[in-house]
Protein backbone atom coordinates (compact mmCIF):
# COMPACT_ATOMS: atom_id res chain seq x y z
CA MET A 1 102.04 97.02 239.39
CA LYS A 2 103.95 100.29 239.07
CA LYS A 3 105.37 99.13 235.77
CA ILE A 4 101.88 98.39 234.45
CA ARG A 5 100.65 101.85 235.46
CA LEU A 6 103.68 103.47 233.85
CA LEU A 7 103.10 101.52 230.64
CA LEU A 8 99.40 102.46 230.51
CA GLY A 9 100.25 106.09 231.15
CA SER A 10 102.76 106.09 228.30
CA LEU A 11 100.27 104.49 225.92
CA LEU A 12 97.64 107.05 226.86
CA ALA A 13 100.07 109.90 226.29
CA PHE A 14 101.18 108.62 222.89
CA SER A 15 97.59 107.96 221.80
CA SER A 16 96.59 111.51 222.69
CA LEU A 17 99.32 113.04 220.50
CA PRO A 18 97.48 112.55 217.17
CA MET A 19 94.33 113.94 218.72
CA LEU A 20 96.15 117.02 219.96
CA ALA A 21 97.81 117.49 216.56
CA GLN A 22 94.44 117.28 214.85
CA MET A 23 92.96 119.82 217.26
CA ASP A 24 95.92 122.16 216.74
CA ALA A 25 95.32 121.99 212.98
CA SER A 26 91.82 123.39 213.58
CA ILE A 27 93.27 126.65 214.93
CA LYS A 28 94.07 129.18 212.18
CA LEU A 29 95.27 132.73 211.80
CA ASN A 30 92.20 134.32 210.26
CA GLU A 31 92.71 138.09 209.75
CA VAL A 32 95.44 140.67 210.40
CA MET A 33 95.47 144.49 210.46
CA THR A 34 98.80 146.34 210.64
CA GLN A 35 97.59 150.01 210.52
CA ASN A 36 94.58 150.57 212.76
CA GLU A 37 93.31 154.14 212.48
CA THR A 38 89.54 153.82 212.56
CA SER A 39 89.03 150.14 213.41
CA LEU A 40 89.22 148.45 216.83
CA ILE A 41 89.81 150.62 219.92
CA ASP A 42 90.71 149.12 223.30
CA GLU A 43 89.50 150.04 226.78
CA TYR A 44 92.28 152.61 227.07
CA GLY A 45 91.31 154.44 223.88
CA ALA A 46 94.30 153.13 221.94
CA ARG A 47 94.23 151.70 218.42
CA ASN A 48 96.68 148.84 217.99
CA ALA A 49 97.48 146.41 215.23
CA TRP A 50 95.56 143.19 215.77
CA VAL A 51 95.39 139.55 214.72
CA GLU A 52 92.31 137.34 214.68
CA ILE A 53 92.50 133.60 215.48
CA ALA A 54 89.71 131.21 214.47
CA ASN A 55 88.64 127.73 215.46
CA ILE A 56 87.48 126.30 212.11
CA SER A 57 86.29 122.99 213.59
CA HIS A 58 82.98 122.24 215.32
CA SER A 59 84.63 121.23 218.60
CA THR A 60 85.68 123.40 221.52
CA TYR A 61 89.40 124.04 221.95
CA ASN A 62 91.31 126.22 224.41
CA ILE A 63 94.24 128.10 222.91
CA ARG A 64 95.72 129.30 226.24
CA GLY A 65 99.42 128.68 226.48
CA MET A 66 100.00 128.96 222.70
CA TYR A 67 102.57 131.39 221.32
CA LEU A 68 102.47 134.21 218.74
CA THR A 69 105.59 135.69 217.15
CA THR A 70 106.82 137.77 214.20
CA ASP A 71 110.49 136.74 214.62
CA ARG A 72 111.55 134.37 211.80
CA SER A 73 114.59 133.21 213.75
CA VAL A 74 112.37 130.79 215.71
CA LEU A 75 112.25 128.60 212.59
CA ASP A 76 115.78 127.43 213.38
CA ARG A 77 115.39 123.79 214.45
CA LYS A 78 118.65 123.89 216.39
CA MET A 79 117.34 126.69 218.62
CA SER A 80 116.58 125.58 222.14
CA VAL A 81 113.03 125.77 223.44
CA PRO A 82 113.80 128.40 226.12
CA GLU A 83 115.51 130.57 223.52
CA ARG A 84 112.53 130.19 221.19
CA VAL A 85 110.07 131.02 223.99
CA SER A 86 111.99 134.19 224.79
CA ARG A 87 111.31 135.45 221.27
CA MET A 88 107.57 134.75 221.44
CA SER A 89 104.53 136.14 223.23
CA GLN A 90 102.37 133.61 225.10
CA ILE A 91 98.57 133.68 225.13
CA PRO A 92 97.78 133.94 228.85
CA ASN A 93 95.59 131.63 230.95
CA GLY A 94 92.56 132.57 232.96
CA ASP A 95 90.41 134.23 230.26
CA VAL A 96 87.25 132.54 229.03
CA ARG A 97 87.65 134.17 225.62
CA THR A 98 90.59 131.88 224.85
CA ASN A 99 88.30 128.84 225.16
CA LEU A 100 87.06 128.76 221.55
CA SER A 101 83.96 126.78 220.71
CA GLY A 102 83.29 125.58 217.15
CA GLN A 103 83.61 128.33 214.51
CA GLN A 104 84.43 130.93 217.16
CA LEU A 105 86.95 133.81 216.86
CA VAL A 106 89.14 135.81 219.18
CA VAL A 107 91.13 139.03 218.52
CA PHE A 108 94.51 139.85 220.13
CA LEU A 109 96.01 143.34 220.21
CA LEU A 110 99.66 143.60 219.11
CA ASN A 111 102.38 146.12 220.01
CA SER A 112 100.79 146.36 223.44
CA GLN A 113 101.46 145.53 227.12
CA PRO A 114 100.13 142.35 228.78
CA GLU A 115 99.26 144.28 231.96
CA ARG A 116 96.44 145.98 230.05
CA GLY A 117 94.55 142.73 229.65
CA ALA A 118 94.65 139.06 228.68
CA LEU A 119 94.22 139.91 224.98
CA HIS A 120 97.14 142.38 224.91
CA LEU A 121 100.40 140.89 223.56
CA THR A 122 103.92 142.23 223.06
CA VAL A 123 104.19 140.85 219.50
CA LYS A 124 105.91 143.43 217.27
CA MET A 125 104.09 144.33 214.06
CA ASP A 126 105.78 146.64 211.52
CA ALA A 127 103.29 148.30 209.16
CA GLU A 128 105.93 149.62 206.76
CA LYS A 129 107.21 146.27 205.47
CA PRO A 130 105.88 142.74 204.89
CA THR A 131 105.70 140.92 208.20
CA TRP A 132 105.69 137.19 208.92
CA ILE A 133 103.47 136.14 211.83
CA ALA A 134 103.24 132.61 213.24
CA LEU A 135 101.26 130.61 215.79
CA TYR A 136 103.02 127.87 217.79
CA ASN A 137 101.61 125.23 220.12
CA GLY A 138 101.98 125.32 223.91
CA ASN A 139 105.35 123.55 223.80
CA ALA A 140 106.81 126.18 221.45
CA THR A 141 108.00 123.37 219.17
CA GLN A 142 105.26 122.85 216.59
CA LEU A 143 104.33 125.51 214.03
CA ILE A 144 100.53 125.47 213.78
CA ASP A 145 99.95 128.26 211.25
CA SER A 146 101.78 131.20 209.68
CA VAL A 147 101.36 133.87 207.01
CA THR A 148 103.36 136.76 205.53
CA VAL A 149 101.29 139.94 205.69
CA PRO A 150 102.01 142.41 202.84
CA VAL A 151 102.25 146.16 203.33
CA LEU A 152 98.70 147.38 203.90
CA GLN A 153 97.08 150.78 203.69
CA ALA A 154 95.39 152.30 206.72
CA ASP A 155 92.47 150.18 207.99
CA GLN A 156 93.01 147.49 205.38
CA SER A 157 93.20 143.89 206.54
CA TYR A 158 94.73 140.68 205.23
CA ALA A 159 92.13 137.92 205.57
CA ARG A 160 91.86 134.23 204.84
CA ILE A 161 89.37 133.14 202.13
CA ALA A 162 87.20 130.12 202.74
CA ASN A 163 87.31 127.92 199.61
CA ASN A 164 84.90 125.03 200.21
CA GLY A 165 85.91 125.02 203.86
CA THR A 166 89.66 124.66 203.21
CA TYR A 167 90.76 128.23 204.18
CA LYS A 168 93.87 128.26 201.98
CA ASP A 169 93.97 131.60 200.16
CA TRP A 170 94.31 135.12 201.49
CA GLU A 171 93.15 138.51 200.20
CA VAL A 172 93.52 142.20 201.00
CA LYS A 173 90.25 143.70 202.27
CA SER A 174 89.35 147.36 202.11
CA ALA A 175 88.22 149.18 205.25
CA ASP A 176 84.54 148.72 204.45
CA ARG A 177 84.98 144.94 204.02
CA VAL A 178 86.90 144.18 207.22
CA THR A 179 85.19 141.38 209.16
CA LEU A 180 86.57 141.89 212.66
CA GLY A 181 85.16 139.31 215.09
CA ILE A 182 82.96 137.59 212.46
CA GLN A 183 83.59 134.93 209.83
CA ASN A 184 85.40 136.12 206.70
CA VAL A 185 82.76 134.55 204.46
CA THR A 186 80.33 137.21 205.73
CA THR A 187 80.34 140.02 203.19
CA VAL A 188 79.31 143.64 203.50
CA SER A 189 76.37 144.57 201.31
CA GLU A 190 77.50 146.77 198.41
CA SER A 191 75.66 147.69 195.24
CA LYS A 192 77.29 147.44 191.83
CA ILE A 193 77.23 151.24 191.43
CA GLU A 194 78.95 151.76 194.77
CA LYS A 195 81.55 149.13 193.91
CA PHE A 196 82.19 150.78 190.53
CA LYS A 197 82.60 154.18 192.20
CA ARG A 198 85.01 152.71 194.72
CA GLU A 199 87.12 150.94 192.12
CA ASP A 200 87.01 153.81 189.58
CA PRO A 201 86.85 157.07 191.53
CA HIS A 202 88.09 159.27 188.64
CA GLY A 203 85.89 157.80 185.91
CA PHE A 204 88.67 156.66 183.59
CA GLY A 205 87.28 153.13 183.42
CA MET A 206 83.79 154.45 182.60
CA ALA A 207 85.19 156.62 179.79
CA LEU A 208 87.16 153.76 178.25
CA MET A 209 84.18 151.43 178.49
CA ALA A 210 81.85 153.98 176.83
CA MET A 211 84.33 154.61 173.99
CA GLY A 212 84.79 150.89 173.50
CA ILE A 213 81.03 150.35 173.20
CA VAL A 214 80.71 153.18 170.63
CA PHE A 215 83.56 151.90 168.47
CA PHE A 216 82.21 148.37 168.67
CA CYS A 217 78.78 149.52 167.44
CA LEU A 218 80.34 151.49 164.58
CA ALA A 219 82.42 148.50 163.51
CA LEU A 220 79.33 146.29 163.64
CA LEU A 221 77.40 148.73 161.43
CA LEU A 222 80.30 148.89 158.94
CA ILE A 223 80.41 145.12 158.64
CA THR A 224 76.60 144.89 158.29
CA PHE A 225 76.36 147.47 155.50
CA THR A 226 79.39 146.05 153.66
CA VAL A 227 77.87 142.58 153.58
CA PHE A 228 74.47 144.03 152.57
CA GLY A 229 76.07 145.93 149.66
CA ILE A 230 77.86 142.81 148.39
CA VAL A 231 74.62 140.81 148.49
CA MET A 232 72.69 143.51 146.62
CA ARG A 233 75.38 143.75 143.91
CA HIS A 234 75.19 140.01 143.34
CA ILE A 235 71.40 140.17 143.10
CA ASP A 236 71.57 143.03 140.56
CA THR A 237 74.14 141.14 138.45
CA ALA A 238 71.94 138.05 138.44
CA LYS A 239 68.94 140.10 137.25
CA LYS A 240 70.96 141.62 134.38
CA MET A 241 72.14 138.22 133.23
CA ALA A 242 68.58 136.92 133.33
CA HIS A 243 67.42 139.78 131.06
CA GLN A 244 70.29 139.31 128.59
CA GLN A 245 69.86 135.53 128.26
CA PRO A 246 66.20 134.68 128.76
CA ILE A 247 65.62 131.12 129.78
CA LYS A 248 62.14 130.71 128.30
CA PRO A 249 63.09 130.76 124.53
CA ILE A 250 65.95 128.35 125.17
CA THR A 251 63.57 126.04 126.96
CA LYS A 252 61.12 126.14 124.04
CA THR A 253 63.94 125.37 121.57
CA VAL A 254 65.01 122.36 123.57
CA GLU A 255 61.42 121.15 123.77
CA LYS A 256 60.96 121.50 119.97
CA THR A 257 64.28 119.73 119.33
CA MET A 258 63.15 116.83 121.48
CA GLU A 259 59.80 116.74 119.70
CA VAL A 260 61.44 116.67 116.23
CA GLY A 261 63.82 113.96 117.40
CA HIS A 262 60.93 111.87 118.70
CA LYS A 263 58.92 112.24 115.52
CA THR A 264 61.97 111.44 113.38
CA GLY A 265 62.56 108.29 115.39
CA VAL A 266 58.96 107.20 114.90
CA ILE A 267 59.10 107.89 111.13
CA LEU A 268 62.39 106.03 110.79
CA LYS A 269 61.01 103.02 112.62
CA GLU A 270 57.88 102.93 110.46
CA GLY A 271 59.90 103.57 107.27
CA LEU A 272 62.21 100.64 107.87
CA ASN A 273 59.20 98.37 108.08
CA THR A 274 58.01 99.42 104.61
CA LYS A 275 59.39 98.93 101.11
CA GLY A 276 59.69 100.74 97.77
CA ILE A 277 59.13 104.42 97.42
CA ASP A 278 57.89 104.83 101.00
CA ARG A 279 61.38 104.18 102.28
CA GLU A 280 62.74 106.93 100.06
CA VAL A 281 60.06 109.28 101.40
CA TYR A 282 61.01 108.64 104.96
CA MET A 283 64.68 109.02 104.22
CA ALA A 284 64.02 112.34 102.54
CA VAL A 285 62.00 113.52 105.53
CA ILE A 286 64.83 112.57 107.90
CA GLY A 287 67.35 114.38 105.71
CA MET A 288 65.21 117.49 105.64
CA ALA A 289 64.79 117.41 109.40
CA LEU A 290 68.53 117.14 109.97
CA ARG A 291 69.21 119.90 107.48
CA GLN A 292 66.60 122.10 109.10
CA TYR A 293 68.08 121.45 112.55
CA GLU A 294 71.54 122.50 111.33
CA ASP A 295 70.47 125.64 109.43
CA ASP A 296 67.73 127.15 111.60
CA ILE A 297 69.94 128.92 114.14
CA HIS A 298 67.37 131.69 114.55
CA ASP A 299 65.09 129.20 116.28
CA VAL A 300 67.07 129.80 119.46
CA GLU A 301 65.83 133.36 119.40
CA SER A 302 62.21 133.11 118.21
CA GLY A 303 61.25 129.46 118.52
CA ILE A 304 59.65 129.59 114.98
CA ILE A 305 60.61 127.11 112.24
CA THR A 306 60.48 128.56 108.67
CA ILE A 307 60.05 126.06 105.79
CA LYS A 308 60.64 127.28 102.17
CA PRO A 309 59.02 125.04 99.51
CA LYS A 310 61.20 123.78 96.65
CA GLU A 311 60.20 121.65 93.68
CA THR A 312 62.31 118.48 93.48
CA ASP A 313 60.02 116.34 91.13
CA TRP A 314 60.77 113.36 93.31
CA ASP A 315 57.08 112.36 93.23
CA ASP A 316 56.50 112.89 89.43
CA GLU A 317 55.36 109.49 88.13
CA TYR A 318 55.56 110.47 84.46
CA SER A 319 59.21 111.37 84.56
CA GLN A 320 59.96 108.21 86.43
CA MET A 321 58.09 106.06 83.88
CA THR A 322 59.84 107.81 80.97
CA GLN A 323 63.23 107.10 82.46
CA LEU A 324 62.22 103.49 82.99
CA HIS A 325 61.01 103.19 79.33
CA GLU A 326 64.21 104.66 77.93
CA ALA A 327 66.26 102.29 79.97
CA PHE A 328 64.14 99.28 78.88
CA ILE A 329 64.26 99.77 75.05
CA PRO A 330 68.04 99.63 74.53
CA ALA A 331 68.17 96.57 76.69
CA ARG A 332 65.61 94.84 74.44
CA HIS A 333 67.50 95.57 71.20
CA ASN A 334 70.66 94.14 72.57
CA SER A 335 69.09 90.92 73.83
CA PRO A 336 69.00 88.00 71.21
CA ASN A 337 66.15 86.24 72.97
CA ILE A 338 63.67 89.01 72.70
CA PRO A 339 61.64 88.82 69.46
CA THR A 340 61.46 91.97 67.44
CA THR A 341 58.40 93.21 65.63
CA PRO A 342 58.79 93.00 61.84
CA GLN A 343 58.80 96.25 60.08
CA LEU A 344 56.48 96.91 57.23
CA HIS A 345 57.94 98.37 54.13
C-alpha cells in the first residue's frame, strides 16, 4: 500500500512539472529604471532603481520565493544551488502583492534593504554601465527571464514591447512615456507638434525639411518649364513645315493624276474594241496624256493643266487620199494584169 502511495505521489509530482514550467513562462521582466530622480518614491522618501514584473497570462500566479539577481556568475551550471542563492535576492513571502492575477504587475525597489518592506530587495543596479538582470524560479535552478539594460538617462526606462502578445522586443522610454505599474501598451497622449518639439528641440530638423521642400518645388518647376518649352518648339516647327509644304495642292495633284489615269484606262479599253482610224486617235490621246504628265511639273504648285494647240494634220482627209493615190498609180503601171487606157494621138 505504501508503495502504491509513493508511486502515485511521484506521478503527481512529475505531471505537475510541465504545468509549473508553463506558469513560470508567464512571468516576465516588464520594465526597468536605473536612475530614478523624479519617478517612484518609497514610504521613506527615497528614490531607488526599480524593476517591474508582469504576469502576461490570464491565470493567477504567486511569485513569492522567486529570485532576482544582476550577477552573471549564476549562469555557471556547475555552481551549487546554495552558492547561487547567496548571489541572489529572494522575493519574500507574506505579501498579497506578490500574488499576481492575470495581466497584473508588481514593482520591486532595488539597491535597498529588505527590512524596509516586502518589495525592497538588495539587488545591485549600476546606472553607469549596461546591467544584466535575471529572474529565477523558487529552486534557483531555472532561468525564467532576463534582459541586459543599456545605460539610461535620468528617469528613462527600458520596457518590453508587446508585439501581438509575444512581448519579445524592448525599447528605451523617455520620462514622459514611462508606464510604471500599468501595461506597456498604454501610451501617453502626445500631439504631433509636441513630439516634434521633443525630438527636435533646436529646430535643425525643421530647417532642413523646409529647405528640402523649397528645393524640391524649384526642381519640379524647372522640369515642368523645360518640358513645356520642348513641346512648344516642336509645335512651332510643325507649323513652319506645314506653311512651307502645303498639303492641299499636293492632294489636288494626286486627285487629278488619278482622274487622268482612270480616263486613260477607259479610253484605252474602248479604243482596243474599235478598228481603223479610231485606234490611232485613242493611241494619240494616250501619248499626249503621258507626255503631259511628264512635262507639267508646275501642276504640283498650281493644280492647273495648260494645253498648247499644235497642228499635226493627222485628221486631214485630203492629204491622206493624195498619199494613197500616189501610192496606187505606180503599183498599177508595174502590174501586167491591170489593163491600161489607150492613149489618143
